[in-house]
PDB file of N, CA and C in Angstrom:
ATOM      1  N   MET A   1     123.749  45.650  92.080  1.00  0.00           N
ATOM      2  CA  MET A   1     122.915  46.656  93.495  1.00  0.00           C
ATOM      3  C   MET A   1     121.580  45.701  92.978  1.00  0.00           C
ATOM      4  N   ASP A   2     121.826  45.396  94.203  1.00  0.00           N
ATOM      5  CA  ASP A   2     120.260  44.350  94.003  1.00  0.00           C
ATOM      6  C   ASP A   2     118.829  45.465  94.660  1.00  0.00           C
ATOM      7  N   ALA A   3     117.715  44.895  94.134  1.00  0.00           N
ATOM      8  CA  ALA A   3     116.434  45.995  94.505  1.00  0.00           C
ATOM      9  C   ALA A   3     116.429  46.301  96.037  1.00  0.00           C
ATOM     10  N   GLY A   4     116.701  45.841  96.725  1.00  0.00           N
ATOM     11  CA  GLY A   4     116.457  46.330  98.453  1.00  0.00           C
ATOM     12  C   GLY A   4     117.582  47.893  98.019  1.00  0.00           C
ATOM     13  N   ILE A   5     119.357  47.718  98.183  1.00  0.00           N
ATOM     14  CA  ILE A   5     119.272  48.633  97.955  1.00  0.00           C
ATOM     15  C   ILE A   5     119.247  49.678  97.248  1.00  0.00           C
ATOM     16  N   ALA A   6     118.930  49.435  96.168  1.00  0.00           N
ATOM     17  CA  ALA A   6     118.435  50.683  95.274  1.00  0.00           C
ATOM     18  C   ALA A   6     117.071  51.333  95.582  1.00  0.00           C
ATOM     19  N   ALA A   7     116.352  50.676  96.422  1.00  0.00           N
ATOM     20  CA  ALA A   7     114.777  51.024  97.482  1.00  0.00           C
ATOM     21  C   ALA A   7     115.523  51.967  98.346  1.00  0.00           C
ATOM     22  N   VAL A   8     116.856  51.771  99.145  1.00  0.00           N
ATOM     23  CA  VAL A   8     117.083  52.745 100.238  1.00  0.00           C
ATOM     24  C   VAL A   8     117.585  53.409 100.050  1.00  0.00           C
ATOM     25  N   LEU A   9     118.491  53.566  98.469  1.00  0.00           N
ATOM     26  CA  LEU A   9     118.872  54.431  98.142  1.00  0.00           C
ATOM     27  C   LEU A   9     118.575  56.025  97.576  1.00  0.00           C
ATOM     28  N   GLY A  10     117.034  55.447  96.803  1.00  0.00           N
ATOM     29  CA  GLY A  10     116.043  55.608  96.098  1.00  0.00           C
ATOM     30  C   GLY A  10     115.309  56.883  97.289  1.00  0.00           C
ATOM     31  N   ALA A  11     115.187  56.304  98.125  1.00  0.00           N
ATOM     32  CA  ALA A  11     114.072  56.482  99.463  1.00  0.00           C
ATOM     33  C   ALA A  11     114.932  58.041 100.130  1.00  0.00           C
ATOM     34  N   ILE A  12     115.990  57.327  99.564  1.00  0.00           N
ATOM     35  CA  ILE A  12     117.152  58.839 100.537  1.00  0.00           C
ATOM     36  C   ILE A  12     117.467  59.846  99.809  1.00  0.00           C
ATOM     37  N   ILE A  13     118.083  59.917  98.785  1.00  0.00           N
ATOM     38  CA  ILE A  13     117.930  60.766  98.047  1.00  0.00           C
ATOM     39  C   ILE A  13     116.466  61.267  97.579  1.00  0.00           C
ATOM     40  N   ALA A  14     115.503  60.506  97.861  1.00  0.00           N
ATOM     41  CA  ALA A  14     113.680  61.378  97.764  1.00  0.00           C
ATOM     42  C   ALA A  14     113.876  62.418  99.159  1.00  0.00           C
ATOM     43  N   ALA A  15     114.058  61.762 100.571  1.00  0.00           N
ATOM     44  CA  ALA A  15     114.518  62.560 101.426  1.00  0.00           C
ATOM     45  C   ALA A  15     115.058  63.968 101.502  1.00  0.00           C
ATOM     46  N   VAL A  16     116.608  63.520 100.859  1.00  0.00           N
ATOM     47  CA  VAL A  16     116.873  65.002 100.726  1.00  0.00           C
ATOM     48  C   VAL A  16     116.659  65.763  99.985  1.00  0.00           C
ATOM     49  N   GLY A  17     116.486  64.856  98.695  1.00  0.00           N
ATOM     50  CA  GLY A  17     115.648  66.022  97.693  1.00  0.00           C
ATOM     51  C   GLY A  17     114.326  66.706  98.482  1.00  0.00           C
ATOM     52  N   GLY A  18     113.485  66.147  98.689  1.00  0.00           N
ATOM     53  CA  GLY A  18     111.719  67.199  99.948  1.00  0.00           C
ATOM     54  C   GLY A  18     112.617  67.829 100.872  1.00  0.00           C
ATOM     55  N   ILE A  19     113.088  67.652 101.727  1.00  0.00           N
ATOM     56  CA  ILE A  19     114.275  69.272 102.558  1.00  0.00           C
ATOM     57  C   ILE A  19     114.972  69.563 102.766  1.00  0.00           C
ATOM     58  N   ILE A  20     115.461  69.967 101.102  1.00  0.00           N
ATOM     59  CA  ILE A  20     116.188  70.529 100.643  1.00  0.00           C
ATOM     60  C   ILE A  20     115.059  72.054 100.132  1.00  0.00           C
ATOM     61  N   VAL A  21     113.837  71.063  98.905  1.00  0.00           N
ATOM     62  CA  VAL A  21     112.464  71.674  98.369  1.00  0.00           C
ATOM     63  C   VAL A  21     111.812  72.776  99.289  1.00  0.00           C
ATOM     64  N   ALA A  22     111.546  72.093 100.639  1.00  0.00           N
ATOM     65  CA  ALA A  22     110.617  72.578 102.227  1.00  0.00           C
ATOM     66  C   ALA A  22     111.352  73.668 102.425  1.00  0.00           C
ATOM     67  N   ILE A  23     112.788  73.703 102.497  1.00  0.00           N
ATOM     68  CA  ILE A  23     114.435  74.753 102.278  1.00  0.00           C
ATOM     69  C   ILE A  23     113.976  75.841 101.936  1.00  0.00           C
ATOM     70  N   ILE A  24     113.883  75.514 100.302  1.00  0.00           N
ATOM     71  CA  ILE A  24     114.011  76.382  99.764  1.00  0.00           C
ATOM     72  C   ILE A  24     112.504  77.413  99.808  1.00  0.00           C
ATOM     73  N   ASP A  25     111.338  76.474  99.363  1.00  0.00           N
ATOM     74  CA  ASP A  25     110.217  77.236  99.587  1.00  0.00           C
ATOM     75  C   ASP A  25     110.067  77.749 101.070  1.00  0.00           C
ATOM     76  N   LYS A  26     110.261  77.837 101.779  1.00  0.00           N
ATOM     77  CA  LYS A  26     110.607  78.324 103.276  1.00  0.00           C
ATOM     78  C   LYS A  26     110.641  79.778 102.810  1.00  0.00           C
ATOM     79  N   PHE A  27     112.365  80.072 102.850  1.00  0.00           N
ATOM     80  CA  PHE A  27     112.770  81.153 102.047  1.00  0.00           C
ATOM     81  C   PHE A  27     112.928  82.049 100.845  1.00  0.00           C
ATOM     82  N   ARG A  28     111.787  81.473 100.577  1.00  0.00           N
ATOM     83  CA  ARG A  28     110.436  82.093  99.391  1.00  0.00           C
ATOM     84  C   ARG A  28     109.252  82.725 100.164  1.00  0.00           C
ATOM     85  N   LYS A  29     108.769  82.462 100.868  1.00  0.00           N
ATOM     86  CA  LYS A  29     107.444  82.950 101.575  1.00  0.00           C
ATOM     87  C   LYS A  29     107.740  84.192 102.208  1.00  0.00           C
ATOM     88  N   GLU A  30     109.387  83.757 103.329  1.00  0.00           N
ATOM     89  CA  GLU A  30     109.700  84.937 103.519  1.00  0.00           C
ATOM     90  C   GLU A  30     110.166  85.866 102.848  1.00  0.00           C
ATOM     91  N   ASN A  31     110.843  85.295 102.056  1.00  0.00           N
ATOM     92  CA  ASN A  31     111.320  86.890 101.036  1.00  0.00           C
ATOM     93  C   ASN A  31     109.907  87.467 100.013  1.00  0.00           C
ATOM     94  N   ARG A  32     108.913  86.749  99.723  1.00  0.00           N
ATOM     95  CA  ARG A  32     107.546  87.292  99.827  1.00  0.00           C
ATOM     96  C   ARG A  32     107.171  88.624 101.012  1.00  0.00           C
ATOM     97  N   ARG A  33     106.738  87.687 101.897  1.00  0.00           N
ATOM     98  CA  ARG A  33     106.822  88.871 103.033  1.00  0.00           C
ATOM     99  C   ARG A  33     107.481  90.219 103.131  1.00  0.00           C
ATOM    100  N   ASP A  34     108.615  90.196 103.346  1.00  0.00           N
ATOM    101  CA  ASP A  34     109.980  91.042 103.805  1.00  0.00           C
ATOM    102  C   ASP A  34     109.495  92.020 102.352  1.00  0.00           C
ATOM    103  N   HIS A  35     109.300  90.860 101.233  1.00  0.00           N
ATOM    104  CA  HIS A  35     108.940  92.367  99.881  1.00  0.00           C
ATOM    105  C   HIS A  35     108.174  93.560  99.986  1.00  0.00           C
ATOM    106  N   GLY A  36     107.276  92.812 100.434  1.00  0.00           N
ATOM    107  CA  GLY A  36     105.616  93.603 100.705  1.00  0.00           C
ATOM    108  C   GLY A  36     106.102  94.549 101.065  1.00  0.00           C
ATOM    109  N   ALA A  37     106.525  94.180 102.465  1.00  0.00           N
ATOM    110  CA  ALA A  37     106.824  94.756 103.663  1.00  0.00           C
ATOM    111  C   ALA A  37     107.821  96.252 102.902  1.00  0.00           C
ATOM    112  N   VAL A  38     108.790  95.942 102.218  1.00  0.00           N
ATOM    113  CA  VAL A  38     110.047  97.012 101.549  1.00  0.00           C
ATOM    114  C   VAL A  38     108.661  97.810 100.990  1.00  0.00           C
ATOM    115  N   MET A  39     108.470  96.944 100.331  1.00  0.00           N
ATOM    116  CA  MET A  39     107.337  97.795  99.255  1.00  0.00           C
ATOM    117  C   MET A  39     106.381  98.968  99.494  1.00  0.00           C
ATOM    118  N   ASP A  40     105.974  98.779 100.935  1.00  0.00           N
ATOM    119  CA  ASP A  40     104.591  99.671 101.724  1.00  0.00           C
ATOM    120  C   ASP A  40     105.499 100.106 102.061  1.00  0.00           C
ATOM    121  N   ALA A  41     106.726 100.475 102.990  1.00  0.00           N
ATOM    122  CA  ALA A  41     108.112 101.327 103.255  1.00  0.00           C
ATOM    123  C   ALA A  41     107.947 102.454 101.573  1.00  0.00           C
ATOM    124  N   LEU A  42     108.561 101.625 101.021  1.00  0.00           N
ATOM    125  CA  LEU A  42     108.785 102.810  99.648  1.00  0.00           C
ATOM    126  C   LEU A  42     107.693 103.617  99.534  1.00  0.00           C
ATOM    127  N   ASP A  43     106.650 102.816  98.988  1.00  0.00           N
ATOM    128  CA  ASP A  43     105.338 103.623  99.437  1.00  0.00           C
ATOM    129  C   ASP A  43     104.877 104.977 100.063  1.00  0.00           C
ATOM    130  N   ARG A  44     105.357 104.442 101.335  1.00  0.00           N
ATOM    131  CA  ARG A  44     105.385 105.601 102.398  1.00  0.00           C
ATOM    132  C   ARG A  44     106.439 106.768 102.284  1.00  0.00           C
ATOM    133  N   VAL A  45     107.556 106.491 101.410  1.00  0.00           N
ATOM    134  CA  VAL A  45     108.522 107.717 101.211  1.00  0.00           C
ATOM    135  C   VAL A  45     108.454 108.119 100.494  1.00  0.00           C
ATOM    136  N   SER A  46     107.745 107.597  99.450  1.00  0.00           N
ATOM    137  CA  SER A  46     107.844 108.106  97.970  1.00  0.00           C
ATOM    138  C   SER A  46     106.267 109.770  98.075  1.00  0.00           C
ATOM    139  N   ASN A  47     105.460 108.410  98.346  1.00  0.00           N
ATOM    140  CA  ASN A  47     104.125 109.525  99.131  1.00  0.00           C
ATOM    141  C   ASN A  47     104.717 111.660  99.913  1.00  0.00           C
ATOM    142  N   THR A  48     105.858 110.682 100.968  1.00  0.00           N
ATOM    143  CA  THR A  48     106.757 112.233 101.900  1.00  0.00           C
ATOM    144  C   THR A  48     107.190 112.679 101.028  1.00  0.00           C
ATOM    145  N   VAL A  49     108.434 111.950 100.185  1.00  0.00           N
ATOM    146  CA  VAL A  49     108.891 112.947  99.273  1.00  0.00           C
ATOM    147  C   VAL A  49     108.211 113.762  98.387  1.00  0.00           C
ATOM    148  N   ASP A  50     106.602 113.277  97.903  1.00  0.00           N
ATOM    149  CA  ASP A  50     105.933 114.166  97.136  1.00  0.00           C
ATOM    150  C   ASP A  50     105.705 115.394  97.375  1.00  0.00           C
ATOM    151  N   ARG A  51     104.985 115.218  98.541  1.00  0.00           N
ATOM    152  CA  ARG A  51     104.708 116.115  99.506  1.00  0.00           C
ATOM    153  C   ARG A  51     105.592 117.430 100.139  1.00  0.00           C
ATOM    154  N   VAL A  52     106.277 116.707  99.982  1.00  0.00           N
ATOM    155  CA  VAL A  52     107.916 118.011 100.470  1.00  0.00           C
ATOM    156  C   VAL A  52     108.051 118.412  99.510  1.00  0.00           C
ATOM    157  N   GLU A  53     108.297 117.990  98.086  1.00  0.00           N
ATOM    158  CA  GLU A  53     108.392 118.752  96.736  1.00  0.00           C
ATOM    159  C   GLU A  53     108.062 119.699  96.403  1.00  0.00           C
ATOM    160  N   GLY A  54     106.579 119.349  96.962  1.00  0.00           N
ATOM    161  CA  GLY A  54     105.380 119.967  96.070  1.00  0.00           C
ATOM    162  C   GLY A  54     105.853 121.529  96.758  1.00  0.00           C
ATOM    163  N   LYS A  55     106.014 121.064  98.336  1.00  0.00           N
ATOM    164  CA  LYS A  55     105.808 122.083  99.712  1.00  0.00           C
ATOM    165  C   LYS A  55     106.854 123.177  99.294  1.00  0.00           C
ATOM    166  N   VAL A  56     108.179 122.250  98.382  1.00  0.00           N
ATOM    167  CA  VAL A  56     109.394 123.289  98.355  1.00  0.00           C
ATOM    168  C   VAL A  56     109.110 124.399  97.043  1.00  0.00           C
ATOM    169  N   ASP A  57     108.682 123.271  95.615  1.00  0.00           N
ATOM    170  CA  ASP A  57     108.026 123.508  94.789  1.00  0.00           C
ATOM    171  C   ASP A  57     107.269 125.193  94.987  1.00  0.00           C
ATOM    172  N   SER A  58     106.300 125.262  95.232  1.00  0.00           N
ATOM    173  CA  SER A  58     106.122 125.920  96.771  1.00  0.00           C
ATOM    174  C   SER A  58     106.332 127.566  96.817  1.00  0.00           C
ATOM    175  N   HIS A  59     107.310 127.148  97.919  1.00  0.00           N
ATOM    176  CA  HIS A  59     108.032 128.429  98.803  1.00  0.00           C
ATOM    177  C   HIS A  59     108.395 128.709  97.624  1.00  0.00           C
ATOM    178  N   ILE A  60     109.810 127.599  96.335  1.00  0.00           N
ATOM    179  CA  ILE A  60     110.549 128.538  95.325  1.00  0.00           C
ATOM    180  C   ILE A  60     109.541 129.686  94.691  1.00  0.00           C
ATOM    181  N   ASN A  61     108.252 128.843  93.998  1.00  0.00           N
ATOM    182  CA  ASN A  61     107.756 130.252  93.329  1.00  0.00           C
ATOM    183  C   ASN A  61     107.353 131.336  94.439  1.00  0.00           C
ATOM    184  N   TRP A  62     107.179 131.868  95.887  1.00  0.00           N
ATOM    185  CA  TRP A  62     106.913 132.850  96.585  1.00  0.00           C
ATOM    186  C   TRP A  62     107.786 133.429  96.395  1.00  0.00           C
ATOM    187  N   HIS A  63     109.350 132.925  96.103  1.00  0.00           N
ATOM    188  CA  HIS A  63     110.571 133.546  96.159  1.00  0.00           C
ATOM    189  C   HIS A  63     110.205 134.140  94.934  1.00  0.00           C
ATOM    190  N   LEU A  64     110.353 133.409  94.170  1.00  0.00           N
ATOM    191  CA  LEU A  64     110.181 134.032  92.684  1.00  0.00           C
ATOM    192  C   LEU A  64     109.906 135.163  92.417  1.00  0.00           C
ATOM    193  N   THR A  65     108.425 135.257  92.646  1.00  0.00           N
ATOM    194  CA  THR A  65     106.966 136.323  93.213  1.00  0.00           C
ATOM    195  C   THR A  65     106.699 137.425  93.880  1.00  0.00           C
ATOM    196  N   GLY A  66     108.082 137.045  94.376  1.00  0.00           N
ATOM    197  CA  GLY A  66     108.246 138.315  95.476  1.00  0.00           C
ATOM    198  C   GLY A  66     108.418 138.309  96.882  1.00  0.00           C
ATOM    199  N   GLY A  67     107.703 137.200  97.059  1.00  0.00           N
ATOM    200  CA  GLY A  67     107.075 136.602  98.160  1.00  0.00           C
ATOM    201  C   GLY A  67     107.482 138.046  99.237  1.00  0.00           C
ATOM    202  N   THR A  68     106.257 138.066  99.233  1.00  0.00           N
ATOM    203  CA  THR A  68     105.420 140.029 100.592  1.00  0.00           C
ATOM    204  C   THR A  68     104.496 139.186 101.244  1.00  0.00           C
ATOM    205  N   THR A  69     104.638 139.504 102.642  1.00  0.00           N
ATOM    206  CA  THR A  69     103.768 139.879 103.170  1.00  0.00           C
ATOM    207  C   THR A  69     102.771 141.518 103.393  1.00  0.00           C
ATOM    208  N   SER A  70     102.210 141.380 103.557  1.00  0.00           N
ATOM    209  CA  SER A  70     101.147 142.726 103.971  1.00  0.00           C
ATOM    210  C   SER A  70     102.475 143.371 103.382  1.00  0.00           C
ATOM    211  N   GLY A  71     102.495 143.217 101.457  1.00  0.00           N
ATOM    212  CA  GLY A  71     103.407 145.053 100.636  1.00  0.00           C
ATOM    213  C   GLY A  71     105.114 144.744 101.737  1.00  0.00           C
ATOM    214  N   ARG A  72     105.165 144.040 102.558  1.00  0.00           N
ATOM    215  CA  ARG A  72     106.725 144.014 103.638  1.00  0.00           C
ATOM    216  C   ARG A  72     106.843 142.637 102.469  1.00  0.00           C
ATOM    217  N   THR A  73     108.972 142.060 101.706  1.00  0.00           N
ATOM    218  CA  THR A  73     109.751 141.061 102.301  1.00  0.00           C
ATOM    219  C   THR A  73     110.066 140.635 103.270  1.00  0.00           C
ATOM    220  N   ILE A  74     109.536 138.944 103.777  1.00  0.00           N
ATOM    221  CA  ILE A  74     109.934 138.881 104.762  1.00  0.00           C
ATOM    222  C   ILE A  74     111.624 138.636 104.877  1.00  0.00           C
ATOM    223  N   ARG A  75     112.381 139.045 105.475  1.00  0.00           N
ATOM    224  CA  ARG A  75     113.741 138.644 105.014  1.00  0.00           C
ATOM    225  C   ARG A  75     114.506 137.853 106.163  1.00  0.00           C
ATOM    226  N   ARG A  76     115.122 136.555 106.382  1.00  0.00           N
ATOM    227  CA  ARG A  76     115.700 135.560 107.111  1.00  0.00           C
ATOM    228  C   ARG A  76     116.631 136.643 107.371  1.00  0.00           C
ATOM    229  N   ASN A  77     116.703 136.183 109.408  1.00  0.00           N
ATOM    230  CA  ASN A  77     118.754 136.494 109.916  1.00  0.00           C
ATOM    231  C   ASN A  77     119.455 135.757 108.983  1.00  0.00           C
ATOM    232  N   GLN A  78     120.184 136.206 108.853  1.00  0.00           N
ATOM    233  CA  GLN A  78     121.483 135.235 108.122  1.00  0.00           C
ATOM    234  C   GLN A  78     122.352 135.717 108.657  1.00  0.00           C
ATOM    235  N   GLY A  79     122.706 134.271 108.957  1.00  0.00           N
ATOM    236  CA  GLY A  79     124.020 133.929 109.877  1.00  0.00           C
ATOM    237  C   GLY A  79     123.912 133.546 111.724  1.00  0.00           C
ATOM    238  N   ARG A  80     122.373 133.873 111.674  1.00  0.00           N
ATOM    239  CA  ARG A  80     122.005 133.968 113.152  1.00  0.00           C
ATOM    240  C   ARG A  80     120.508 132.763 113.320  1.00  0.00           C
ATOM    241  N   SER A  81     120.657 131.811 113.763  1.00  0.00           N
ATOM    242  CA  SER A  81     119.845 130.967 113.836  1.00  0.00           C
ATOM    243  C   SER A  81     118.226 131.744 114.850  1.00  0.00           C
ATOM    244  N   ILE A  82     117.801 130.770 114.632  1.00  0.00           N
ATOM    245  CA  ILE A  82     116.059 131.456 114.587  1.00  0.00           C
ATOM    246  C   ILE A  82     116.262 131.519 116.833  1.00  0.00           C
ATOM    247  N   LYS A  83     117.387 131.013 116.876  1.00  0.00           N
ATOM    248  CA  LYS A  83     116.340 130.821 119.213  1.00  0.00           C
ATOM    249  C   LYS A  83     117.877 132.257 118.928  1.00  0.00           C
ATOM    250  N   ALA A  84     119.260 132.299 118.885  1.00  0.00           N
ATOM    251  CA  ALA A  84     119.769 133.749 118.436  1.00  0.00           C
ATOM    252  C   ALA A  84     118.834 134.458 118.748  1.00  0.00           C
ATOM    253  N   ALA A  85     117.936 134.713 117.713  1.00  0.00           N
ATOM    254  CA  ALA A  85     117.592 135.527 116.536  1.00  0.00           C
ATOM    255  C   ALA A  85     116.572 136.660 118.015  1.00  0.00           C
ATOM    256  N   LYS A  86     115.794 135.258 118.960  1.00  0.00           N
ATOM    257  CA  LYS A  86     114.621 135.922 119.513  1.00  0.00           C
ATOM    258  C   LYS A  86     115.470 136.185 121.405  1.00  0.00           C
ATOM    259  N   LYS A  87     117.299 136.318 121.669  1.00  0.00           N
ATOM    260  CA  LYS A  87     117.194 136.550 122.536  1.00  0.00           C
ATOM    261  C   LYS A  87     117.026 137.644 122.391  1.00  0.00           C
TER     262      LYS A  87
END
């Protein structure tokens, strides 16, 4: 094989390799951006779950300690929805 053909093949291989590296690099950038967005969403969900957990814990403790208002226990209408109870 002469030097001219070797130079052309080397250039073709380098060009194809460069294109592959550019494509991989583009996907890595998109992945980092997407990963950041997902982490932000998970942080918001985690904060919401923590708040709800605190509210549920406090409500359960309220029930366990007697859960009274003005000396009277508040009872829920069992088997009836709130809308039905208002009618």
